[in-house]
Amino acid sequence: MKPIPFNETNPSEKLTIHLETGQNFSGLFTSLRVDRKTLPAGKLAYDIRDSDDGREFIQVKSHVLVNHAGTIITDTPIPNADRGVYIDHWHFLN
């Protein structure tokens, strides 16, 4: 699937992911693939991989090709996202 320009994605849900490393990150979530070249200054995008059964977010990574569940847009760099970091648990904020 071709990435969508950021201004066309309308990420509206706030997501917090708790990584197996003990770090927590929050950002806006969209189920679409976001074109990184169209992000506003200071924003970073990371893909989220879901489980094979599609029920859980299991990994955050710079780019996901298989089992792409969505994209989190954050202000904070996620260490080791280039090789993927496993998600311990996650939740959406109201």
N, C-alpha and C. Protein backbone atom coordinates (compact mmCIF):
# COMPACT_ATOMS: atom_id res chain seq x y z
N MET A 1 0.84 -1.17 0.00
CA MET A 1 0.00 0.00 0.00
C MET A 1 0.89 1.24 0.00
N LYS A 2 0.51 2.21 -0.79
CA LYS A 2 1.27 3.45 -0.91
C LYS A 2 1.03 4.34 0.31
N PRO A 3 2.11 4.89 0.90
CA PRO A 3 1.94 5.80 2.05
C PRO A 3 1.12 7.04 1.68
N ILE A 4 0.35 7.52 2.64
CA ILE A 4 -0.54 8.67 2.48
C ILE A 4 0.15 9.91 3.06
N PRO A 5 0.00 11.08 2.41
CA PRO A 5 0.55 12.30 3.01
C PRO A 5 -0.06 12.54 4.40
N PHE A 6 0.76 13.02 5.30
CA PHE A 6 0.33 13.22 6.69
C PHE A 6 -0.96 14.02 6.78
N ASN A 7 -1.07 15.09 6.01
CA ASN A 7 -2.25 15.96 6.12
C ASN A 7 -3.54 15.29 5.64
N GLU A 8 -3.44 14.10 5.05
CA GLU A 8 -4.63 13.36 4.61
C GLU A 8 -4.98 12.20 5.55
N THR A 9 -4.19 12.00 6.60
CA THR A 9 -4.40 10.84 7.47
C THR A 9 -5.33 11.10 8.64
N ASN A 10 -5.39 12.33 9.13
CA ASN A 10 -6.26 12.70 10.25
C ASN A 10 -6.09 11.77 11.47
N PRO A 11 -4.86 11.64 11.99
CA PRO A 11 -4.68 10.81 13.19
C PRO A 11 -5.32 11.49 14.39
N SER A 12 -6.31 10.86 14.99
CA SER A 12 -7.07 11.52 16.06
C SER A 12 -7.05 10.78 17.39
N GLU A 13 -6.66 9.53 17.37
CA GLU A 13 -6.64 8.77 18.62
C GLU A 13 -5.26 8.86 19.25
N LYS A 14 -5.21 9.11 20.55
CA LYS A 14 -3.93 9.15 21.25
C LYS A 14 -3.62 7.75 21.77
N LEU A 15 -2.45 7.27 21.45
CA LEU A 15 -2.02 5.92 21.80
C LEU A 15 -0.79 6.00 22.70
N THR A 16 -0.76 5.18 23.74
CA THR A 16 0.43 5.01 24.56
C THR A 16 0.88 3.57 24.42
N ILE A 17 2.16 3.41 24.10
CA ILE A 17 2.74 2.07 24.02
C ILE A 17 3.77 1.92 25.13
N HIS A 18 3.75 0.77 25.77
CA HIS A 18 4.69 0.42 26.83
C HIS A 18 5.58 -0.68 26.26
N LEU A 19 6.84 -0.37 26.08
CA LEU A 19 7.76 -1.31 25.45
C LEU A 19 8.37 -2.28 26.43
N GLU A 20 8.85 -3.40 25.92
CA GLU A 20 9.52 -4.40 26.78
C GLU A 20 10.77 -3.84 27.43
N THR A 21 11.31 -2.76 26.90
CA THR A 21 12.50 -2.13 27.46
C THR A 21 12.17 -1.31 28.71
N GLY A 22 10.87 -1.16 29.01
CA GLY A 22 10.44 -0.36 30.15
C GLY A 22 10.12 1.08 29.79
N GLN A 23 10.37 1.46 28.55
CA GLN A 23 10.08 2.82 28.10
C GLN A 23 8.63 2.94 27.63
N ASN A 24 8.07 4.14 27.79
CA ASN A 24 6.71 4.41 27.35
C ASN A 24 6.74 5.57 26.36
N PHE A 25 5.90 5.49 25.34
CA PHE A 25 5.81 6.54 24.34
C PHE A 25 4.35 6.78 24.01
N SER A 26 4.00 8.05 23.84
CA SER A 26 2.64 8.42 23.45
C SER A 26 2.68 9.20 22.16
N GLY A 27 1.61 9.10 21.40
CA GLY A 27 1.51 9.85 20.16
C GLY A 27 0.15 9.67 19.54
N LEU A 28 -0.03 10.26 18.39
CA LEU A 28 -1.29 10.13 17.67
C LEU A 28 -1.21 8.89 16.78
N PHE A 29 -2.34 8.19 16.68
CA PHE A 29 -2.40 6.93 15.94
C PHE A 29 -3.28 7.08 14.71
N THR A 30 -2.83 6.49 13.61
CA THR A 30 -3.66 6.32 12.42
C THR A 30 -3.44 4.90 11.91
N SER A 31 -4.45 4.31 11.34
CA SER A 31 -4.32 2.96 10.81
C SER A 31 -3.66 2.96 9.42
N LEU A 32 -3.35 4.13 8.90
CA LEU A 32 -2.77 4.26 7.57
C LEU A 32 -1.24 4.29 7.62
N ARG A 33 -0.63 4.03 6.48
CA ARG A 33 0.82 4.21 6.32
C ARG A 33 1.05 5.68 5.99
N VAL A 34 1.94 6.33 6.72
CA VAL A 34 2.18 7.76 6.55
C VAL A 34 3.47 8.00 5.76
N ASP A 35 3.39 8.86 4.77
CA ASP A 35 4.56 9.26 4.01
C ASP A 35 5.45 10.13 4.90
N ARG A 36 6.60 9.63 5.27
CA ARG A 36 7.50 10.32 6.21
C ARG A 36 7.94 11.69 5.70
N LYS A 37 8.03 11.85 4.38
CA LYS A 37 8.48 13.13 3.81
C LYS A 37 7.46 14.25 4.02
N THR A 38 6.24 13.91 4.43
CA THR A 38 5.19 14.93 4.57
C THR A 38 4.90 15.29 6.03
N LEU A 39 5.68 14.76 6.96
CA LEU A 39 5.46 15.05 8.38
C LEU A 39 5.81 16.49 8.70
N PRO A 40 5.07 17.12 9.62
CA PRO A 40 5.45 18.46 10.08
C PRO A 40 6.82 18.42 10.77
N ALA A 41 7.49 19.54 10.80
CA ALA A 41 8.79 19.62 11.46
C ALA A 41 8.68 19.17 12.91
N GLY A 42 9.63 18.36 13.36
CA GLY A 42 9.66 17.89 14.74
C GLY A 42 8.83 16.65 15.00
N LYS A 43 8.10 16.16 14.02
CA LYS A 43 7.28 14.95 14.20
C LYS A 43 8.00 13.74 13.61
N LEU A 44 7.81 12.61 14.25
CA LEU A 44 8.40 11.35 13.82
C LEU A 44 7.28 10.32 13.66
N ALA A 45 7.46 9.41 12.74
CA ALA A 45 6.45 8.38 12.51
C ALA A 45 7.10 7.00 12.64
N TYR A 46 6.40 6.10 13.30
CA TYR A 46 6.84 4.72 13.46
C TYR A 46 5.67 3.81 13.16
N ASP A 47 5.94 2.71 12.46
CA ASP A 47 4.90 1.75 12.16
C ASP A 47 4.71 0.78 13.32
N ILE A 48 3.50 0.29 13.41
CA ILE A 48 3.16 -0.70 14.44
C ILE A 48 2.75 -1.99 13.74
N ARG A 49 3.38 -3.08 14.17
CA ARG A 49 3.06 -4.40 13.62
C ARG A 49 2.05 -5.07 14.56
N ASP A 50 1.05 -5.72 13.95
CA ASP A 50 0.11 -6.46 14.78
C ASP A 50 0.45 -7.95 14.74
N SER A 51 -0.18 -8.68 15.64
CA SER A 51 0.04 -10.12 15.73
C SER A 51 -0.54 -10.81 14.49
N ASP A 52 -0.17 -12.05 14.30
CA ASP A 52 -0.66 -12.78 13.13
C ASP A 52 -2.18 -12.91 13.12
N ASP A 53 -2.80 -12.92 14.30
CA ASP A 53 -4.26 -13.01 14.34
C ASP A 53 -4.93 -11.63 14.31
N GLY A 54 -4.11 -10.56 14.29
CA GLY A 54 -4.63 -9.20 14.16
C GLY A 54 -5.28 -8.64 15.41
N ARG A 55 -5.01 -9.23 16.57
CA ARG A 55 -5.67 -8.79 17.80
C ARG A 55 -4.84 -7.88 18.69
N GLU A 56 -3.54 -7.87 18.51
CA GLU A 56 -2.65 -7.12 19.41
C GLU A 56 -1.57 -6.39 18.64
N PHE A 57 -1.20 -5.21 19.14
CA PHE A 57 -0.01 -4.54 18.64
C PHE A 57 1.18 -5.22 19.30
N ILE A 58 2.15 -5.68 18.51
CA ILE A 58 3.26 -6.43 19.11
C ILE A 58 4.63 -5.79 18.94
N GLN A 59 4.79 -4.90 17.95
CA GLN A 59 6.12 -4.34 17.71
C GLN A 59 5.99 -2.94 17.11
N VAL A 60 6.91 -2.06 17.50
CA VAL A 60 7.04 -0.74 16.87
C VAL A 60 8.35 -0.74 16.11
N LYS A 61 8.32 -0.22 14.88
CA LYS A 61 9.48 -0.31 14.01
C LYS A 61 9.47 0.88 13.06
N SER A 62 10.63 1.25 12.57
CA SER A 62 10.70 2.37 11.62
C SER A 62 9.80 2.15 10.42
N HIS A 63 9.81 0.95 9.87
CA HIS A 63 8.94 0.60 8.74
C HIS A 63 8.53 -0.86 8.86
N VAL A 64 7.25 -1.13 8.67
CA VAL A 64 6.71 -2.48 8.73
C VAL A 64 6.09 -2.80 7.38
N LEU A 65 6.46 -3.94 6.83
CA LEU A 65 5.87 -4.36 5.55
C LEU A 65 4.73 -5.35 5.76
N VAL A 66 4.91 -6.29 6.68
CA VAL A 66 3.92 -7.35 6.92
C VAL A 66 3.21 -7.10 8.25
N ASN A 67 1.91 -7.30 8.26
CA ASN A 67 1.08 -7.11 9.47
C ASN A 67 1.10 -5.67 9.96
N HIS A 68 1.05 -4.73 9.06
CA HIS A 68 1.01 -3.31 9.43
C HIS A 68 -0.34 -3.01 10.07
N ALA A 69 -0.32 -2.57 11.33
CA ALA A 69 -1.55 -2.22 12.04
C ALA A 69 -1.83 -0.74 12.02
N GLY A 70 -0.77 0.07 11.88
CA GLY A 70 -0.95 1.51 11.89
C GLY A 70 0.36 2.22 12.09
N THR A 71 0.23 3.53 12.32
CA THR A 71 1.40 4.40 12.49
C THR A 71 1.17 5.28 13.71
N ILE A 72 2.21 5.42 14.53
CA ILE A 72 2.16 6.35 15.66
C ILE A 72 3.04 7.56 15.30
N ILE A 73 2.47 8.74 15.50
CA ILE A 73 3.17 10.00 15.24
C ILE A 73 3.55 10.59 16.59
N THR A 74 4.84 10.81 16.80
CA THR A 74 5.32 11.25 18.10
C THR A 74 6.37 12.36 17.95
N ASP A 75 6.64 13.05 19.03
CA ASP A 75 7.69 14.07 19.06
C ASP A 75 9.02 13.48 19.53
N THR A 76 8.96 12.28 20.09
CA THR A 76 10.11 11.68 20.76
C THR A 76 10.66 10.51 19.95
N PRO A 77 11.96 10.48 19.70
CA PRO A 77 12.55 9.33 19.01
C PRO A 77 12.40 8.06 19.85
N ILE A 78 12.12 6.96 19.18
CA ILE A 78 12.03 5.66 19.85
C ILE A 78 13.33 4.90 19.55
N PRO A 79 14.16 4.69 20.58
CA PRO A 79 15.44 4.01 20.38
C PRO A 79 15.25 2.60 19.81
N ASN A 80 16.12 2.22 18.90
CA ASN A 80 16.18 0.89 18.29
C ASN A 80 14.98 0.57 17.41
N ALA A 81 14.20 1.57 17.03
CA ALA A 81 13.04 1.32 16.16
C ALA A 81 13.47 0.84 14.78
N ASP A 82 14.70 1.12 14.40
CA ASP A 82 15.18 0.67 13.10
C ASP A 82 15.19 -0.86 13.01
N ARG A 83 15.44 -1.53 14.11
CA ARG A 83 15.42 -3.00 14.10
C ARG A 83 14.17 -3.57 14.76
N GLY A 84 13.36 -2.71 15.38
CA GLY A 84 12.10 -3.14 15.97
C GLY A 84 12.21 -3.34 17.47
N VAL A 85 11.19 -2.88 18.20
CA VAL A 85 11.12 -3.03 19.64
C VAL A 85 9.75 -3.62 19.97
N TYR A 86 9.74 -4.64 20.80
CA TYR A 86 8.48 -5.30 21.14
C TYR A 86 7.66 -4.49 22.15
N ILE A 87 6.37 -4.52 21.95
CA ILE A 87 5.42 -3.81 22.80
C ILE A 87 4.93 -4.77 23.88
N ASP A 88 5.06 -4.36 25.13
CA ASP A 88 4.58 -5.16 26.26
C ASP A 88 3.06 -5.01 26.39
N HIS A 89 2.59 -3.77 26.40
CA HIS A 89 1.15 -3.51 26.37
C HIS A 89 0.91 -2.10 25.85
N TRP A 90 -0.31 -1.79 25.56
CA TRP A 90 -0.66 -0.51 24.94
C TRP A 90 -2.09 -0.15 25.30
N HIS A 91 -2.43 1.12 25.13
CA HIS A 91 -3.82 1.55 25.34
C HIS A 91 -4.07 2.88 24.64
N PHE A 92 -5.31 3.06 24.27
CA PHE A 92 -5.73 4.34 23.71
C PHE A 92 -6.20 5.24 24.84
N LEU A 93 -5.92 6.52 24.72
CA LEU A 93 -6.37 7.51 25.72
C LEU A 93 -7.58 8.23 25.18
N ASN A 94 -8.47 8.62 26.06
CA ASN A 94 -9.68 9.34 25.62
C ASN A 94 -9.35 10.79 25.37
